Amino acid sequence: MLEIKEVEKSFGGLTAVCDCSLAVQEGSITGLIGPNGAGKTTLFNVITGYYKPDRGNIIFQGQNIDGLLPHQIFQKKMYRTFQITREFAQMTVLENVMLMPDQQIGEKLWNTWFRASSVRKQEKVIQEKALDVLEFVELIDLKDEYAGSLSGGQKKLLELARSMMAEPKMVLLDEPGAGVNPTLMRKLIANIKKLCEEKKITFFLIEHDMDLVMNLCNPVIVMSEGKKLAEGTPDEIKKDERVLEAYLGGQYR
């Protein structure tokens, strides 16, 4: 579904991503791990159009997307989250979810005057879907709370709900487990697995929590010094001497 071909990105004299090539298979939950400074988040930013690659190609569903702007890549049905959640704090949980679908009639001011009934009809459909999504991620009881008042883990679940409303083919998650307590972590993992299996959404995620990666992801890709170091099943990665040396240390020896 996603191919990264010899991608490079530098900032002045610092090369953050260097001749990086990897692929994400459709229907997988692929993990991306590596030490701090390995280039993982920079790679995500290049994939999703926040940075333009200096060299190389990014192919999504057979189409070259390097050079496209973030909103254009979103329209290709790729959605991403950030290490720090970016909810609209002064809007309710329900409103945060409802704003996600693309090309809503009410986004054009004149439609609220001349096509008011169509706007109301579409909004009702979107609201019903949003309520179903919040039920799925178990945030329905918080639908009228301001998003800014949620806990860190609840905000991660809200991000997942927003991604569902966008109906993506692929979701890129940047450290979904950061700041999430064990109870909400179990919900997050279960929801990701369910979305992959039932909704056929492909996931590509950066994570430092090795228990999460090893229990959720297959395959696991390891980055080091801006490029792919290794790829394999969780068991293979645990035993790879290059990975143990570069990142995992003695945890799995």
Protein backbone atom coordinates (compact mmCIF):
# COMPACT_ATOMS: atom_id res chain seq x y z
CA MET A 1 0.00 0.00 0.00
CA LEU A 2 2.87 2.37 0.83
CA GLU A 3 6.36 2.35 -0.68
CA ILE A 4 9.22 4.57 0.41
CA LYS A 5 12.00 4.58 -2.18
CA GLU A 6 15.44 6.01 -1.38
CA VAL A 7 13.98 9.01 0.46
CA GLU A 8 16.28 11.65 1.93
CA LYS A 9 15.55 14.74 4.00
CA SER A 10 18.10 17.15 5.42
CA PHE A 11 17.90 20.28 7.54
CA GLY A 12 20.99 22.36 6.90
CA GLY A 13 23.93 20.09 7.68
CA LEU A 14 21.79 17.48 9.47
CA THR A 15 20.52 14.53 7.47
CA ALA A 16 17.43 13.26 9.31
CA VAL A 17 16.35 10.65 6.73
CA CYS A 18 19.07 9.08 4.59
CA ASP A 19 18.45 6.82 1.59
CA CYS A 20 15.47 5.23 3.34
CA SER A 21 13.51 2.49 1.57
CA LEU A 22 10.69 0.45 3.09
CA ALA A 23 7.18 -0.77 2.37
CA VAL A 24 3.93 -1.18 4.31
CA GLN A 25 1.64 -3.99 3.20
CA GLU A 26 -2.10 -3.50 2.88
CA GLY A 27 -4.06 -4.85 5.84
CA SER A 28 -1.08 -4.87 8.20
CA ILE A 29 -0.33 -3.17 11.50
CA THR A 30 3.29 -2.24 10.87
CA GLY A 31 5.45 -0.90 13.69
CA LEU A 32 8.31 1.56 13.24
CA ILE A 33 10.82 1.65 16.08
CA GLY A 34 14.28 3.06 16.63
CA PRO A 35 16.29 5.25 18.99
CA ASN A 36 15.54 8.93 19.45
CA GLY A 37 16.88 10.86 16.48
CA ALA A 38 16.56 7.89 14.11
CA GLY A 39 14.33 9.92 11.76
CA LYS A 40 10.98 8.24 12.41
CA THR A 41 8.81 11.32 12.90
CA THR A 42 10.63 13.16 10.12
CA LEU A 43 9.79 10.25 7.82
CA PHE A 44 6.12 10.50 8.83
CA ASN A 45 6.22 14.24 8.10
CA VAL A 46 7.69 13.57 4.67
CA ILE A 47 5.12 10.87 3.89
CA THR A 48 2.21 13.14 4.85
CA GLY A 49 3.42 16.25 3.04
CA TYR A 50 4.59 18.38 5.96
CA TYR A 51 8.12 18.21 4.53
CA LYS A 52 9.06 17.80 0.89
CA PRO A 53 11.71 15.09 0.39
CA ASP A 54 15.07 16.21 -0.97
CA ARG A 55 15.28 12.99 -2.96
CA GLY A 56 13.34 9.77 -3.50
CA ASN A 57 9.75 8.75 -4.08
CA ILE A 58 6.70 8.00 -1.95
CA ILE A 59 4.10 5.74 -3.57
CA PHE A 60 0.66 5.33 -1.97
CA GLN A 61 -1.78 2.88 -3.56
CA GLY A 62 0.21 3.02 -6.79
CA GLN A 63 0.30 6.83 -7.00
CA ASN A 64 3.30 9.08 -6.42
CA ILE A 65 2.40 11.46 -3.56
CA ASP A 66 5.73 13.12 -2.77
CA GLY A 67 5.32 16.84 -3.29
CA LEU A 68 1.59 16.85 -2.50
CA LEU A 69 0.33 19.12 0.28
CA PRO A 70 -1.01 17.61 3.54
CA HIS A 71 -4.67 18.24 2.68
CA GLN A 72 -4.20 16.61 -0.73
CA ILE A 73 -2.70 13.52 0.89
CA PHE A 74 -5.60 13.48 3.38
CA GLN A 75 -7.96 13.42 0.39
CA LYS A 76 -6.11 10.31 -0.83
CA LYS A 77 -7.44 8.61 2.33
CA MET A 78 -4.28 8.76 4.43
CA TYR A 79 -4.69 10.08 7.98
CA ARG A 80 -2.02 10.76 10.61
CA THR A 81 -1.85 11.61 14.29
CA PHE A 82 0.88 13.41 16.21
CA GLN A 83 2.93 12.72 19.33
CA ILE A 84 1.01 15.52 21.04
CA THR A 85 -2.70 15.29 20.28
CA ARG A 86 -4.21 18.15 18.28
CA GLU A 87 -7.83 18.19 19.33
CA PHE A 88 -9.92 21.37 19.21
CA ALA A 89 -9.94 21.97 22.96
CA GLN A 90 -12.88 24.39 23.06
CA MET A 91 -15.15 22.12 21.01
CA THR A 92 -16.98 19.12 22.41
CA VAL A 93 -15.87 15.56 21.79
CA LEU A 94 -18.82 15.08 19.43
CA GLU A 95 -18.01 18.28 17.50
CA ASN A 96 -14.37 17.21 17.15
CA VAL A 97 -15.49 13.98 15.52
CA MET A 98 -18.18 15.55 13.32
CA LEU A 99 -15.81 18.02 11.65
CA MET A 100 -13.68 15.25 10.11
CA PRO A 101 -15.62 14.19 6.97
CA ASP A 102 -14.35 15.96 3.86
CA GLN A 103 -16.41 18.24 1.59
CA GLN A 104 -19.30 18.99 3.93
CA ILE A 105 -22.00 21.13 2.30
CA GLY A 106 -22.15 23.51 5.26
CA GLU A 107 -18.49 24.47 4.84
CA LYS A 108 -19.57 26.95 2.14
CA LEU A 109 -21.29 29.93 3.72
CA TRP A 110 -23.84 30.44 0.96
CA ASN A 111 -25.08 26.87 1.34
CA THR A 112 -26.24 27.71 4.86
CA TRP A 113 -28.52 30.33 3.29
CA PHE A 114 -29.66 28.73 0.06
CA ARG A 115 -29.38 24.99 0.84
CA ALA A 116 -30.23 24.96 4.52
CA SER A 117 -32.31 21.79 4.36
CA SER A 118 -29.49 19.90 2.61
CA VAL A 119 -27.01 21.13 5.21
CA ARG A 120 -29.27 19.94 8.05
CA LYS A 121 -29.86 16.58 6.40
CA GLN A 122 -26.14 15.93 5.90
CA GLU A 123 -25.33 17.11 9.41
CA LYS A 124 -27.84 14.65 10.85
CA VAL A 125 -26.23 11.77 8.93
CA ILE A 126 -22.76 12.84 10.10
CA GLN A 127 -23.94 13.17 13.70
CA GLU A 128 -25.42 9.66 13.68
CA LYS A 129 -22.19 8.25 12.33
CA ALA A 130 -20.15 10.22 14.88
CA LEU A 131 -22.23 8.81 17.73
CA ASP A 132 -21.66 5.28 16.41
CA VAL A 133 -17.92 5.94 16.25
CA LEU A 134 -17.83 7.31 19.80
CA GLU A 135 -19.73 4.22 20.95
CA PHE A 136 -17.08 2.08 19.23
CA VAL A 137 -14.16 3.76 21.04
CA GLU A 138 -16.14 3.95 24.31
CA LEU A 139 -16.20 7.75 24.53
CA ILE A 140 -19.95 8.09 24.09
CA ASP A 141 -20.48 9.15 27.72
CA LEU A 142 -18.08 12.08 27.14
CA LYS A 143 -19.62 13.29 23.89
CA ASP A 144 -20.70 16.66 25.35
CA GLU A 145 -17.47 17.30 27.28
CA TYR A 146 -14.92 19.78 25.96
CA ALA A 147 -12.11 17.87 24.26
CA GLY A 148 -9.52 19.88 26.18
CA SER A 149 -10.75 18.39 29.46
CA LEU A 150 -10.04 14.78 28.46
CA SER A 151 -7.15 12.78 29.87
CA GLY A 152 -4.16 11.98 27.68
CA GLY A 153 -5.41 8.47 27.00
CA GLN A 154 -8.92 9.66 26.19
CA LYS A 155 -7.46 12.16 23.72
CA LYS A 156 -5.66 9.29 21.96
CA LEU A 157 -8.99 7.46 21.68
CA LEU A 158 -10.53 10.67 20.33
CA GLU A 159 -7.79 10.79 17.67
CA LEU A 160 -8.70 7.25 16.70
CA ALA A 161 -12.38 8.21 16.49
CA ARG A 162 -11.53 11.18 14.28
CA SER A 163 -9.55 8.93 11.98
CA MET A 164 -12.55 6.61 11.62
CA MET A 165 -14.75 9.52 10.54
CA ALA A 166 -12.28 10.33 7.76
CA GLU A 167 -12.74 6.78 6.38
CA PRO A 168 -9.02 6.33 5.67
CA LYS A 169 -7.31 3.50 3.87
CA MET A 170 -4.20 4.01 6.01
CA VAL A 171 -3.60 5.61 9.41
CA LEU A 172 -0.17 6.76 10.59
CA LEU A 173 0.02 6.88 14.38
CA ASP A 174 2.90 8.74 16.05
CA GLU A 175 3.40 7.26 19.54
CA PRO A 176 -0.24 6.32 20.24
CA GLY A 177 0.73 4.80 23.59
CA ALA A 178 2.53 7.85 25.01
CA GLY A 179 0.92 9.04 28.23
CA VAL A 180 -1.78 6.38 28.14
CA ASN A 181 -2.61 4.43 31.31
CA PRO A 182 -2.77 0.61 31.14
CA THR A 183 -6.58 0.44 31.06
CA LEU A 184 -6.91 2.87 28.17
CA MET A 185 -3.91 1.25 26.49
CA ARG A 186 -5.79 -2.05 26.34
CA LYS A 187 -8.77 -0.25 24.78
CA LEU A 188 -6.51 1.47 22.25
CA ILE A 189 -4.85 -1.79 21.21
CA ALA A 190 -8.19 -3.59 20.95
CA ASN A 191 -9.65 -0.78 18.82
CA ILE A 192 -6.68 -0.72 16.45
CA LYS A 193 -6.88 -4.49 15.95
CA LYS A 194 -10.64 -4.33 15.41
CA LEU A 195 -10.35 -1.49 12.87
CA CYS A 196 -7.70 -3.41 10.96
CA GLU A 197 -9.70 -6.64 10.92
CA GLU A 198 -13.22 -5.29 10.42
CA LYS A 199 -12.75 -1.98 8.59
CA LYS A 200 -9.68 -3.13 6.63
CA ILE A 201 -7.67 -0.07 7.71
CA THR A 202 -3.89 -0.38 7.39
CA PHE A 203 -1.87 1.01 10.31
CA PHE A 204 1.71 2.28 10.36
CA LEU A 205 2.80 3.39 13.80
CA ILE A 206 5.79 4.80 15.64
CA GLU A 207 6.07 3.62 19.21
CA HIS A 208 8.66 3.42 22.01
CA ASP A 209 6.59 1.11 24.21
CA MET A 210 8.07 -2.24 23.24
CA ASP A 211 5.33 -4.28 24.88
CA LEU A 212 2.75 -2.47 22.74
CA VAL A 213 4.81 -2.98 19.58
CA MET A 214 5.54 -6.63 20.22
CA ASN A 215 1.90 -7.42 21.03
CA LEU A 216 0.28 -5.36 18.28
CA CYS A 217 2.57 -5.04 15.27
CA ASN A 218 3.62 -7.48 12.59
CA PRO A 219 5.93 -6.73 10.90
CA VAL A 220 8.21 -4.42 12.85
CA ILE A 221 10.60 -2.10 10.99
CA VAL A 222 13.65 -0.68 12.77
CA MET A 223 15.18 2.67 11.79
CA SER A 224 18.64 3.84 12.79
CA GLU A 225 20.56 6.86 11.56
CA GLY A 226 17.83 7.83 9.10
CA LYS A 227 17.44 4.51 7.29
CA LYS A 228 15.93 1.06 7.67
CA LEU A 229 18.14 -1.18 9.77
CA ALA A 230 15.99 -4.32 9.99
CA GLU A 231 12.51 -5.71 9.39
CA GLY A 232 10.80 -8.84 10.60
CA THR A 233 8.31 -10.40 12.97
CA PRO A 234 8.42 -9.30 16.60
CA ASP A 235 10.29 -12.48 17.54
CA GLU A 236 12.85 -11.94 14.78
CA ILE A 237 13.40 -8.32 15.82
CA LYS A 238 13.90 -9.34 19.46
CA LYS A 239 16.73 -11.64 18.42
CA ASP A 240 18.39 -9.44 15.77
CA GLU A 241 21.87 -8.56 17.02
CA ARG A 242 21.94 -5.30 15.01
CA VAL A 243 18.71 -4.17 16.67
CA LEU A 244 19.87 -5.20 20.12
CA GLU A 245 23.03 -3.22 19.60
CA ALA A 246 21.34 -0.11 18.18
CA TYR A 247 18.20 0.11 20.26
CA LEU A 248 16.76 -2.64 22.39
CA GLY A 249 19.83 -3.18 24.54
CA GLY A 250 19.59 -6.08 26.94
CA GLN A 251 15.83 -6.07 27.38
CA TYR A 252 15.27 -9.15 25.20
CA ARG A 253 18.62 -10.90 25.59
